């Protein structure tokens, strides 16, 4: 549940910031709300179509190669999370400036109102498609569908509420602080997914290296207990990890940290100069 909450909360905040920038830049333009709402609806419907295709693929593998499918979903989610973190570190500010420019162009009459719907729709589609993939990754990791739904619903509500409060100026939380905290949590979540992916590959017989169990903390902190489930969702806790799972976990953390550091605007500019 907590993994789903974090993922959905962050993605909703990202989409909410884009929508808020567009709304702020077009303040006073008649009909802007209708076009923005149209974009939100279109993006949501498109993300729903992506979810339907993902469900159909999952059903096709039901009972046959389920471990390999789960490993593939988790691996893809990890790669996407790494790419997403690097992309946001490098292009987040540019994206905000571009959205403001589109809104200003619409206000000045240089671009049609449909541009609002397109910009918002694409933003919602992008974030929605990422949510679908990431939630399938969490589901493949063993989270129940009911717990996933509750976490996603709470994340959606919290993200939408915070986005609205920030837009109306009722709270002044720098976006960078929100994204820094969620980036750390998502890095831990991605590392946990990577560890689960290699566990599925081992169960399917696809890999057979570093399979020695390192410890057994189930007597003190069982993975299927309340605290264990919370830690499993938040940081990928496993009560009986293997050597390969530990390697995958810390390798993913190191890779995400390195990619994010190298993708910051100042670091990327320095690399281009060198």
C-alpha atoms as a PDB file:
ATOM      1  CA  UNK A   1       0.000   0.000   0.000  1.00  0.00           C
ATOM      2  CA  UNK A   2       2.738   2.466   0.964  1.00  0.00           C
ATOM      3  CA  UNK A   3       4.675   1.918  -2.240  1.00  0.00           C
ATOM      4  CA  UNK A   4       1.556   2.616  -4.305  1.00  0.00           C
ATOM      5  CA  UNK A   5       0.804   5.703  -2.210  1.00  0.00           C
ATOM      6  CA  UNK A   6       4.295   7.138  -2.753  1.00  0.00           C
ATOM      7  CA  UNK A   7       4.324   6.445  -6.491  1.00  0.00           C
ATOM      8  CA  UNK A   8       0.866   7.881  -7.172  1.00  0.00           C
ATOM      9  CA  UNK A   9       1.439  10.857  -4.859  1.00  0.00           C
ATOM     10  CA  UNK A  10       4.631  11.855  -6.670  1.00  0.00           C
ATOM     11  CA  UNK A  11       3.185  11.412 -10.160  1.00  0.00           C
ATOM     12  CA  UNK A  12       0.046  13.375  -9.261  1.00  0.00           C
ATOM     13  CA  UNK A  13       2.203  16.158  -7.819  1.00  0.00           C
ATOM     14  CA  UNK A  14       4.201  16.302 -11.070  1.00  0.00           C
ATOM     15  CA  UNK A  15       1.069  16.461 -13.208  1.00  0.00           C
ATOM     16  CA  UNK A  16      -0.480  18.905 -10.737  1.00  0.00           C
ATOM     17  CA  UNK A  17       2.487  21.265 -10.994  1.00  0.00           C
ATOM     18  CA  UNK A  18       2.190  21.319 -14.782  1.00  0.00           C
ATOM     19  CA  UNK A  19      -1.552  21.948 -14.621  1.00  0.00           C
ATOM     20  CA  UNK A  20      -1.023  24.642 -11.986  1.00  0.00           C
ATOM     21  CA  UNK A  21       1.594  26.411 -14.119  1.00  0.00           C
ATOM     22  CA  UNK A  22      -0.721  26.369 -17.145  1.00  0.00           C
ATOM     23  CA  UNK A  23      -3.649  27.666 -15.087  1.00  0.00           C
ATOM     24  CA  UNK A  24      -1.543  30.424 -13.525  1.00  0.00           C
ATOM     25  CA  UNK A  25      -0.189  31.511 -16.910  1.00  0.00           C
ATOM     26  CA  UNK A  26      -3.691  31.705 -18.434  1.00  0.00           C
ATOM     27  CA  UNK A  27      -5.440  33.436 -15.560  1.00  0.00           C
ATOM     28  CA  UNK A  28      -8.210  35.611 -16.934  1.00  0.00           C
ATOM     29  CA  UNK A  29      -8.597  33.679 -20.199  1.00  0.00           C
ATOM     30  CA  UNK A  30     -12.224  32.709 -20.762  1.00  0.00           C
ATOM     31  CA  UNK A  31     -12.837  28.991 -21.130  1.00  0.00           C
ATOM     32  CA  UNK A  32      -9.423  27.916 -19.852  1.00  0.00           C
ATOM     33  CA  UNK A  33     -10.984  25.656 -17.217  1.00  0.00           C
ATOM     34  CA  UNK A  34     -12.993  23.779 -19.833  1.00  0.00           C
ATOM     35  CA  UNK A  35      -9.957  23.145 -22.030  1.00  0.00           C
ATOM     36  CA  UNK A  36      -7.747  22.123 -19.112  1.00  0.00           C
ATOM     37  CA  UNK A  37     -10.477  19.773 -17.857  1.00  0.00           C
ATOM     38  CA  UNK A  38     -10.723  18.299 -21.360  1.00  0.00           C
ATOM     39  CA  UNK A  39      -6.984  17.670 -21.346  1.00  0.00           C
ATOM     40  CA  UNK A  40      -7.139  15.995 -17.926  1.00  0.00           C
ATOM     41  CA  UNK A  41     -10.017  13.762 -19.047  1.00  0.00           C
ATOM     42  CA  UNK A  42      -8.316  12.820 -22.328  1.00  0.00           C
ATOM     43  CA  UNK A  43      -5.029  12.033 -20.592  1.00  0.00           C
ATOM     44  CA  UNK A  44      -6.799   9.930 -17.965  1.00  0.00           C
ATOM     45  CA  UNK A  45      -8.690   7.945 -20.615  1.00  0.00           C
ATOM     46  CA  UNK A  46      -5.482   7.327 -22.569  1.00  0.00           C
ATOM     47  CA  UNK A  47      -3.725   6.125 -19.409  1.00  0.00           C
ATOM     48  CA  UNK A  48      -6.703   3.830 -18.785  1.00  0.00           C
ATOM     49  CA  UNK A  49      -6.212   2.283 -22.225  1.00  0.00           C
ATOM     50  CA  UNK A  50      -2.568   1.640 -21.342  1.00  0.00           C
ATOM     51  CA  UNK A  51      -3.751  -0.094 -18.156  1.00  0.00           C
ATOM     52  CA  UNK A  52      -6.129  -2.327 -20.121  1.00  0.00           C
ATOM     53  CA  UNK A  53      -3.324  -3.475 -22.408  1.00  0.00           C
ATOM     54  CA  UNK A  54      -1.090  -4.150 -19.411  1.00  0.00           C
ATOM     55  CA  UNK A  55      -3.823  -6.245 -17.776  1.00  0.00           C
ATOM     56  CA  UNK A  56      -4.363  -8.234 -20.985  1.00  0.00           C
ATOM     57  CA  UNK A  57      -0.643  -9.028 -21.174  1.00  0.00           C
ATOM     58  CA  UNK A  58      -0.605 -10.118 -17.529  1.00  0.00           C
ATOM     59  CA  UNK A  59      -3.633 -12.382 -18.063  1.00  0.00           C
ATOM     60  CA  UNK A  60      -1.969 -14.002 -21.080  1.00  0.00           C
ATOM     61  CA  UNK A  61       0.895 -15.160 -18.857  1.00  0.00           C
ATOM     62  CA  UNK A  62      -1.353 -16.363 -16.024  1.00  0.00           C
ATOM     63  CA  UNK A  63      -0.284 -19.858 -14.979  1.00  0.00           C
ATOM     64  CA  UNK A  64       2.564 -19.996 -17.511  1.00  0.00           C
ATOM     65  CA  UNK A  65       5.874 -18.314 -16.885  1.00  0.00           C
ATOM     66  CA  UNK A  66       4.369 -16.090 -14.180  1.00  0.00           C
ATOM     67  CA  UNK A  67       7.722 -15.763 -12.420  1.00  0.00           C
ATOM     68  CA  UNK A  68       9.411 -14.589 -15.628  1.00  0.00           C
ATOM     69  CA  UNK A  69       6.600 -12.123 -16.318  1.00  0.00           C
ATOM     70  CA  UNK A  70       6.805 -10.725 -12.788  1.00  0.00           C
ATOM     71  CA  UNK A  71      10.580 -10.409 -13.085  1.00  0.00           C
ATOM     72  CA  UNK A  72      10.187  -8.642 -16.433  1.00  0.00           C
ATOM     73  CA  UNK A  73       7.596  -6.218 -15.067  1.00  0.00           C
ATOM     74  CA  UNK A  74       9.708  -5.457 -12.009  1.00  0.00           C
ATOM     75  CA  UNK A  75      12.855  -5.026 -14.094  1.00  0.00           C
ATOM     76  CA  UNK A  76      11.093  -2.685 -16.506  1.00  0.00           C
ATOM     77  CA  UNK A  77       9.684  -0.678 -13.603  1.00  0.00           C
ATOM     78  CA  UNK A  78      13.171  -0.332 -12.096  1.00  0.00           C
ATOM     79  CA  UNK A  79      14.635   0.901 -15.393  1.00  0.00           C
ATOM     80  CA  UNK A  80      11.757   3.355 -15.835  1.00  0.00           C
ATOM     81  CA  UNK A  81      12.159   4.656 -12.295  1.00  0.00           C
ATOM     82  CA  UNK A  82      15.873   5.204 -12.892  1.00  0.00           C
ATOM     83  CA  UNK A  83      15.213   6.980 -16.190  1.00  0.00           C
ATOM     84  CA  UNK A  84      12.437   9.044 -14.618  1.00  0.00           C
ATOM     85  CA  UNK A  85      14.644  10.200 -11.746  1.00  0.00           C
ATOM     86  CA  UNK A  86      17.448  11.184 -14.119  1.00  0.00           C
ATOM     87  CA  UNK A  87      15.088  12.939 -16.547  1.00  0.00           C
ATOM     88  CA  UNK A  88      13.380  14.974 -13.834  1.00  0.00           C
ATOM     89  CA  UNK A  89      16.738  15.991 -12.353  1.00  0.00           C
ATOM     90  CA  UNK A  90      17.856  17.307 -15.726  1.00  0.00           C
ATOM     91  CA  UNK A  91      14.688  18.602 -17.385  1.00  0.00           C
ATOM     92  CA  UNK A  92      12.241  19.377 -14.574  1.00  0.00           C
ATOM     93  CA  UNK A  93      12.966  23.120 -14.558  1.00  0.00           C
ATOM     94  CA  UNK A  94      12.984  23.305 -18.375  1.00  0.00           C
ATOM     95  CA  UNK A  95       9.589  21.607 -18.475  1.00  0.00           C
ATOM     96  CA  UNK A  96       8.118  24.124 -16.036  1.00  0.00           C
ATOM     97  CA  UNK A  97       9.443  27.040 -18.114  1.00  0.00           C
ATOM     98  CA  UNK A  98       8.032  25.508 -21.303  1.00  0.00           C
ATOM     99  CA  UNK A  99       4.583  25.029 -19.756  1.00  0.00           C
ATOM    100  CA  UNK A 100       4.552  28.646 -18.598  1.00  0.00           C
ATOM    101  CA  UNK A 101       5.516  29.766 -22.122  1.00  0.00           C
ATOM    102  CA  UNK A 102       2.630  27.808 -23.642  1.00  0.00           C
ATOM    103  CA  UNK A 103       0.189  29.381 -21.216  1.00  0.00           C
ATOM    104  CA  UNK A 104       1.527  32.867 -21.925  1.00  0.00           C
ATOM    105  CA  UNK A 105       1.237  32.271 -25.685  1.00  0.00           C
ATOM    106  CA  UNK A 106      -2.410  31.246 -25.298  1.00  0.00           C
ATOM    107  CA  UNK A 107      -3.107  34.314 -23.170  1.00  0.00           C
ATOM    108  CA  UNK A 108      -1.532  36.551 -25.817  1.00  0.00           C
ATOM    109  CA  UNK A 109      -3.598  34.904 -28.544  1.00  0.00           C
ATOM    110  CA  UNK A 110      -0.536  33.478 -30.282  1.00  0.00           C
ATOM    111  CA  UNK A 111      -1.633  29.877 -29.775  1.00  0.00           C
ATOM    112  CA  UNK A 112      -5.125  28.323 -29.871  1.00  0.00           C
ATOM    113  CA  UNK A 113      -6.968  27.224 -26.746  1.00  0.00           C
ATOM    114  CA  UNK A 114      -6.603  23.615 -27.850  1.00  0.00           C
ATOM    115  CA  UNK A 115      -2.914  23.937 -26.930  1.00  0.00           C
ATOM    116  CA  UNK A 116      -3.976  23.949 -23.277  1.00  0.00           C
ATOM    117  CA  UNK A 117      -5.817  20.648 -23.658  1.00  0.00           C
ATOM    118  CA  UNK A 118      -2.914  19.097 -25.554  1.00  0.00           C
ATOM    119  CA  UNK A 119      -0.256  20.152 -23.046  1.00  0.00           C
ATOM    120  CA  UNK A 120      -2.285  19.049 -20.037  1.00  0.00           C
ATOM    121  CA  UNK A 121      -3.471  15.858 -21.738  1.00  0.00           C
ATOM    122  CA  UNK A 122       0.069  14.784 -22.624  1.00  0.00           C
ATOM    123  CA  UNK A 123       1.258  15.528 -19.092  1.00  0.00           C
ATOM    124  CA  UNK A 124      -1.534  13.454 -17.544  1.00  0.00           C
ATOM    125  CA  UNK A 125      -0.964  10.651 -20.073  1.00  0.00           C
ATOM    126  CA  UNK A 126       2.761  10.531 -19.340  1.00  0.00           C
ATOM    127  CA  UNK A 127       2.340  10.460 -15.582  1.00  0.00           C
ATOM    128  CA  UNK A 128      -0.636   8.095 -15.819  1.00  0.00           C
ATOM    129  CA  UNK A 129       1.235   5.616 -18.009  1.00  0.00           C
ATOM    130  CA  UNK A 130       4.146   5.646 -15.563  1.00  0.00           C
ATOM    131  CA  UNK A 131       1.736   5.047 -12.676  1.00  0.00           C
ATOM    132  CA  UNK A 132       0.265   2.028 -14.490  1.00  0.00           C
ATOM    133  CA  UNK A 133       3.685   0.473 -15.055  1.00  0.00           C
ATOM    134  CA  UNK A 134       4.946   1.179 -11.553  1.00  0.00           C
ATOM    135  CA  UNK A 135       1.775  -0.152  -9.914  1.00  0.00           C
ATOM    136  CA  UNK A 136       2.013  -3.342 -11.953  1.00  0.00           C
ATOM    137  CA  UNK A 137       5.569  -3.637 -10.703  1.00  0.00           C
ATOM    138  CA  UNK A 138       4.377  -3.322  -7.095  1.00  0.00           C
ATOM    139  CA  UNK A 139       1.599  -5.847  -7.777  1.00  0.00           C
ATOM    140  CA  UNK A 140       4.115  -8.260  -9.292  1.00  0.00           C
ATOM    141  CA  UNK A 141       6.131  -7.942  -6.098  1.00  0.00           C
ATOM    142  CA  UNK A 142       3.349  -9.628  -4.135  1.00  0.00           C
ATOM    143  CA  UNK A 143       1.204  -6.710  -2.931  1.00  0.00           C
ATOM    144  CA  UNK A 144      -2.511  -7.524  -2.822  1.00  0.00           C
ATOM    145  CA  UNK A 145      -4.781  -5.732  -5.284  1.00  0.00           C
ATOM    146  CA  UNK A 146      -6.965  -4.330  -2.482  1.00  0.00           C
ATOM    147  CA  UNK A 147      -3.956  -2.874  -0.670  1.00  0.00           C
ATOM    148  CA  UNK A 148      -2.671  -1.487  -3.968  1.00  0.00           C
ATOM    149  CA  UNK A 149      -6.006   0.196  -4.677  1.00  0.00           C
ATOM    150  CA  UNK A 150      -6.187   1.770  -1.216  1.00  0.00           C
ATOM    151  CA  UNK A 151      -2.632   3.094  -1.476  1.00  0.00           C
ATOM    152  CA  UNK A 152      -3.200   4.457  -4.986  1.00  0.00           C
ATOM    153  CA  UNK A 153      -6.444   6.146  -3.924  1.00  0.00           C
ATOM    154  CA  UNK A 154      -4.777   7.752  -0.908  1.00  0.00           C
ATOM    155  CA  UNK A 155      -1.851   8.896  -3.051  1.00  0.00           C
ATOM    156  CA  UNK A 156      -4.222  10.377  -5.625  1.00  0.00           C
ATOM    157  CA  UNK A 157      -6.227  12.225  -2.982  1.00  0.00           C
ATOM    158  CA  UNK A 158      -3.144  13.523  -1.164  1.00  0.00           C
ATOM    159  CA  UNK A 159      -1.422  14.573  -4.390  1.00  0.00           C
ATOM    160  CA  UNK A 160      -4.501  16.345  -5.743  1.00  0.00           C
ATOM    161  CA  UNK A 161      -5.134  18.112  -2.430  1.00  0.00           C
ATOM    162  CA  UNK A 162      -1.534  19.307  -2.097  1.00  0.00           C
ATOM    163  CA  UNK A 163      -1.459  20.435  -5.742  1.00  0.00           C
ATOM    164  CA  UNK A 164      -4.634  22.478  -5.196  1.00  0.00           C
ATOM    165  CA  UNK A 165      -3.325  24.004  -1.966  1.00  0.00           C
ATOM    166  CA  UNK A 166      -0.043  24.966  -3.605  1.00  0.00           C
ATOM    167  CA  UNK A 167      -1.831  26.479  -6.615  1.00  0.00           C
ATOM    168  CA  UNK A 168      -4.062  28.662  -4.452  1.00  0.00           C
ATOM    169  CA  UNK A 169      -1.102  29.676  -2.317  1.00  0.00           C
ATOM    170  CA  UNK A 170      -2.524  28.205   0.875  1.00  0.00           C
ATOM    171  CA  UNK A 171       0.727  26.345   1.527  1.00  0.00           C
ATOM    172  CA  UNK A 172       4.215  27.292   0.392  1.00  0.00           C
ATOM    173  CA  UNK A 173       6.233  24.098   0.193  1.00  0.00           C
ATOM    174  CA  UNK A 174       9.114  24.350  -2.276  1.00  0.00           C
ATOM    175  CA  UNK A 175       8.604  21.672  -4.907  1.00  0.00           C
ATOM    176  CA  UNK A 176      12.268  20.700  -4.669  1.00  0.00           C
ATOM    177  CA  UNK A 177      11.779  19.575  -1.053  1.00  0.00           C
ATOM    178  CA  UNK A 178       8.823  17.375  -1.982  1.00  0.00           C
ATOM    179  CA  UNK A 179      10.693  15.826  -4.883  1.00  0.00           C
ATOM    180  CA  UNK A 180      13.854  15.290  -2.826  1.00  0.00           C
ATOM    181  CA  UNK A 181      11.991  13.295  -0.177  1.00  0.00           C
ATOM    182  CA  UNK A 182       9.972  11.282  -2.690  1.00  0.00           C
ATOM    183  CA  UNK A 183      13.094  10.695  -4.814  1.00  0.00           C
ATOM    184  CA  UNK A 184      14.797   8.989  -1.864  1.00  0.00           C
ATOM    185  CA  UNK A 185      11.715   6.870  -1.165  1.00  0.00           C
ATOM    186  CA  UNK A 186      11.380   5.922  -4.839  1.00  0.00           C
ATOM    187  CA  UNK A 187      15.068   4.960  -4.993  1.00  0.00           C
ATOM    188  CA  UNK A 188      14.505   2.589  -2.066  1.00  0.00           C
ATOM    189  CA  UNK A 189      11.358   1.271  -3.736  1.00  0.00           C
ATOM    190  CA  UNK A 190      13.231   0.650  -7.002  1.00  0.00           C
ATOM    191  CA  UNK A 191      16.011  -1.163  -5.137  1.00  0.00           C
ATOM    192  CA  UNK A 192      13.427  -3.386  -3.481  1.00  0.00           C
ATOM    193  CA  UNK A 193      11.858  -4.127  -6.870  1.00  0.00           C
ATOM    194  CA  UNK A 194      15.254  -5.108  -8.278  1.00  0.00           C
ATOM    195  CA  UNK A 195      15.817  -7.511  -5.388  1.00  0.00           C
ATOM    196  CA  UNK A 196      12.379  -9.056  -5.937  1.00  0.00           C
ATOM    197  CA  UNK A 197      13.035  -9.361  -9.683  1.00  0.00           C
ATOM    198  CA  UNK A 198      16.164 -11.471  -9.171  1.00  0.00           C
ATOM    199  CA  UNK A 199      14.240 -13.557  -6.641  1.00  0.00           C
ATOM    200  CA  UNK A 200      11.633 -14.359  -9.321  1.00  0.00           C
ATOM    201  CA  UNK A 201      14.371 -15.164 -11.836  1.00  0.00           C
ATOM    202  CA  UNK A 202      15.935 -17.533  -9.330  1.00  0.00           C
ATOM    203  CA  UNK A 203      12.561 -19.201  -8.686  1.00  0.00           C
ATOM    204  CA  UNK A 204      12.079 -19.650 -12.441  1.00  0.00           C
ATOM    205  CA  UNK A 205      15.520 -21.240 -12.757  1.00  0.00           C
ATOM    206  CA  UNK A 206      16.759 -18.461 -15.056  1.00  0.00           C
ATOM    207  CA  UNK A 207      19.715 -17.644 -12.805  1.00  0.00           C
ATOM    208  CA  UNK A 208      21.639 -19.788 -10.364  1.00  0.00           C
ATOM    209  CA  UNK A 209      24.384 -17.640  -8.841  1.00  0.00           C
ATOM    210  CA  UNK A 210      24.924 -16.036  -5.432  1.00  0.00           C
ATOM    211  CA  UNK A 211      21.960 -17.946  -4.042  1.00  0.00           C
ATOM    212  CA  UNK A 212      23.278 -18.315  -0.493  1.00  0.00           C
ATOM    213  CA  UNK A 213      20.870 -17.012   2.149  1.00  0.00           C
ATOM    214  CA  UNK A 214      22.597 -14.316   4.186  1.00  0.00           C
ATOM    215  CA  UNK A 215      20.390 -14.224   7.276  1.00  0.00           C
ATOM    216  CA  UNK A 216      16.952 -15.077   8.624  1.00  0.00           C
ATOM    217  CA  UNK A 217      15.265 -12.267  10.539  1.00  0.00           C
ATOM    218  CA  UNK A 218      11.777 -13.795  10.322  1.00  0.00           C
ATOM    219  CA  UNK A 219      11.672 -14.752  14.047  1.00  0.00           C
ATOM    220  CA  UNK A 220      12.116 -11.098  15.038  1.00  0.00           C
ATOM    221  CA  UNK A 221      10.701  -9.212  12.062  1.00  0.00           C
ATOM    222  CA  UNK A 222       8.643 -11.463   9.766  1.00  0.00           C
ATOM    223  CA  UNK A 223       8.081 -10.125   6.265  1.00  0.00           C
ATOM    224  CA  UNK A 224       4.392 -11.070   6.385  1.00  0.00           C
ATOM    225  CA  UNK A 225       3.806  -9.136   9.625  1.00  0.00           C
ATOM    226  CA  UNK A 226       2.412  -5.599   9.778  1.00  0.00           C
ATOM    227  CA  UNK A 227       5.780  -3.883  10.275  1.00  0.00           C
ATOM    228  CA  UNK A 228       7.464  -6.272   7.850  1.00  0.00           C
ATOM    229  CA  UNK A 229       4.923  -5.516   5.122  1.00  0.00           C
ATOM    230  CA  UNK A 230       5.390  -1.777   5.662  1.00  0.00           C
ATOM    231  CA  UNK A 231       9.169  -2.071   5.393  1.00  0.00           C
ATOM    232  CA  UNK A 232       8.854  -4.388   2.391  1.00  0.00           C
ATOM    233  CA  UNK A 233       6.721  -1.796   0.594  1.00  0.00           C
ATOM    234  CA  UNK A 234       8.875   1.185   1.573  1.00  0.00           C
ATOM    235  CA  UNK A 235      12.434  -0.123   1.367  1.00  0.00           C
ATOM    236  CA  UNK A 236      12.124  -3.641  -0.080  1.00  0.00           C
ATOM    237  CA  UNK A 237      12.748  -5.437   3.234  1.00  0.00           C
ATOM    238  CA  UNK A 238      13.153  -9.230   2.952  1.00  0.00           C
ATOM    239  CA  UNK A 239      13.541 -11.433   6.016  1.00  0.00           C
ATOM    240  CA  UNK A 240      15.576 -14.116   4.173  1.00  0.00           C
ATOM    241  CA  UNK A 241      17.624 -12.338   1.478  1.00  0.00           C
ATOM    242  CA  UNK A 242      20.172 -14.028  -0.770  1.00  0.00           C
ATOM    243  CA  UNK A 243      23.548 -12.660  -1.819  1.00  0.00           C
ATOM    244  CA  UNK A 244      22.221 -11.811  -5.283  1.00  0.00           C
ATOM    245  CA  UNK A 245      19.265  -9.898  -3.854  1.00  0.00           C
ATOM    246  CA  UNK A 246      21.591  -7.790  -1.719  1.00  0.00           C
ATOM    247  CA  UNK A 247      23.859  -7.102  -4.696  1.00  0.00           C
ATOM    248  CA  UNK A 248      20.861  -6.116  -6.852  1.00  0.00           C
ATOM    249  CA  UNK A 249      19.507  -3.868  -4.081  1.00  0.00           C
ATOM    250  CA  UNK A 250      22.649  -1.823  -3.484  1.00  0.00           C
ATOM    251  CA  UNK A 251      23.638  -1.781  -7.158  1.00  0.00           C
ATOM    252  CA  UNK A 252      20.271  -0.201  -7.978  1.00  0.00           C
ATOM    253  CA  UNK A 253      20.665   2.407  -5.229  1.00  0.00           C
ATOM    254  CA  UNK A 254      24.159   3.259  -6.473  1.00  0.00           C
ATOM    255  CA  UNK A 255      23.005   3.469 -10.095  1.00  0.00           C
ATOM    256  CA  UNK A 256      20.071   5.755  -9.254  1.00  0.00           C
ATOM    257  CA  UNK A 257      22.257   8.036  -7.141  1.00  0.00           C
ATOM    258  CA  UNK A 258      24.898   8.245  -9.879  1.00  0.00           C
ATOM    259  CA  UNK A 259      22.369   8.903 -12.657  1.00  0.00           C
ATOM    260  CA  UNK A 260      20.596  11.608 -10.665  1.00  0.00           C
ATOM    261  CA  UNK A 261      23.892  13.287  -9.752  1.00  0.00           C
ATOM    262  CA  UNK A 262      25.193  13.194 -13.313  1.00  0.00           C
ATOM    263  CA  UNK A 263      21.877  14.474 -14.704  1.00  0.00           C
ATOM    264  CA  UNK A 264      21.646  17.652 -12.630  1.00  0.00           C
ATOM    265  CA  UNK A 265      21.868  20.715 -14.916  1.00  0.00           C
ATOM    266  CA  UNK A 266      25.170  21.966 -13.469  1.00  0.00           C
ATOM    267  CA  UNK A 267      26.811  18.549 -13.681  1.00  0.00           C
ATOM    268  CA  UNK A 268      25.476  17.900 -17.195  1.00  0.00           C
ATOM    269  CA  UNK A 269      26.750  21.302 -18.379  1.00  0.00           C
ATOM    270  CA  UNK A 270      30.181  20.613 -16.882  1.00  0.00           C
ATOM    271  CA  UNK A 271      30.305  17.237 -18.658  1.00  0.00           C
ATOM    272  CA  UNK A 272      29.514  18.903 -22.000  1.00  0.00           C
ATOM    273  CA  UNK A 273      32.285  21.467 -21.492  1.00  0.00           C
ATOM    274  CA  UNK A 274      34.809  18.792 -20.589  1.00  0.00           C
END
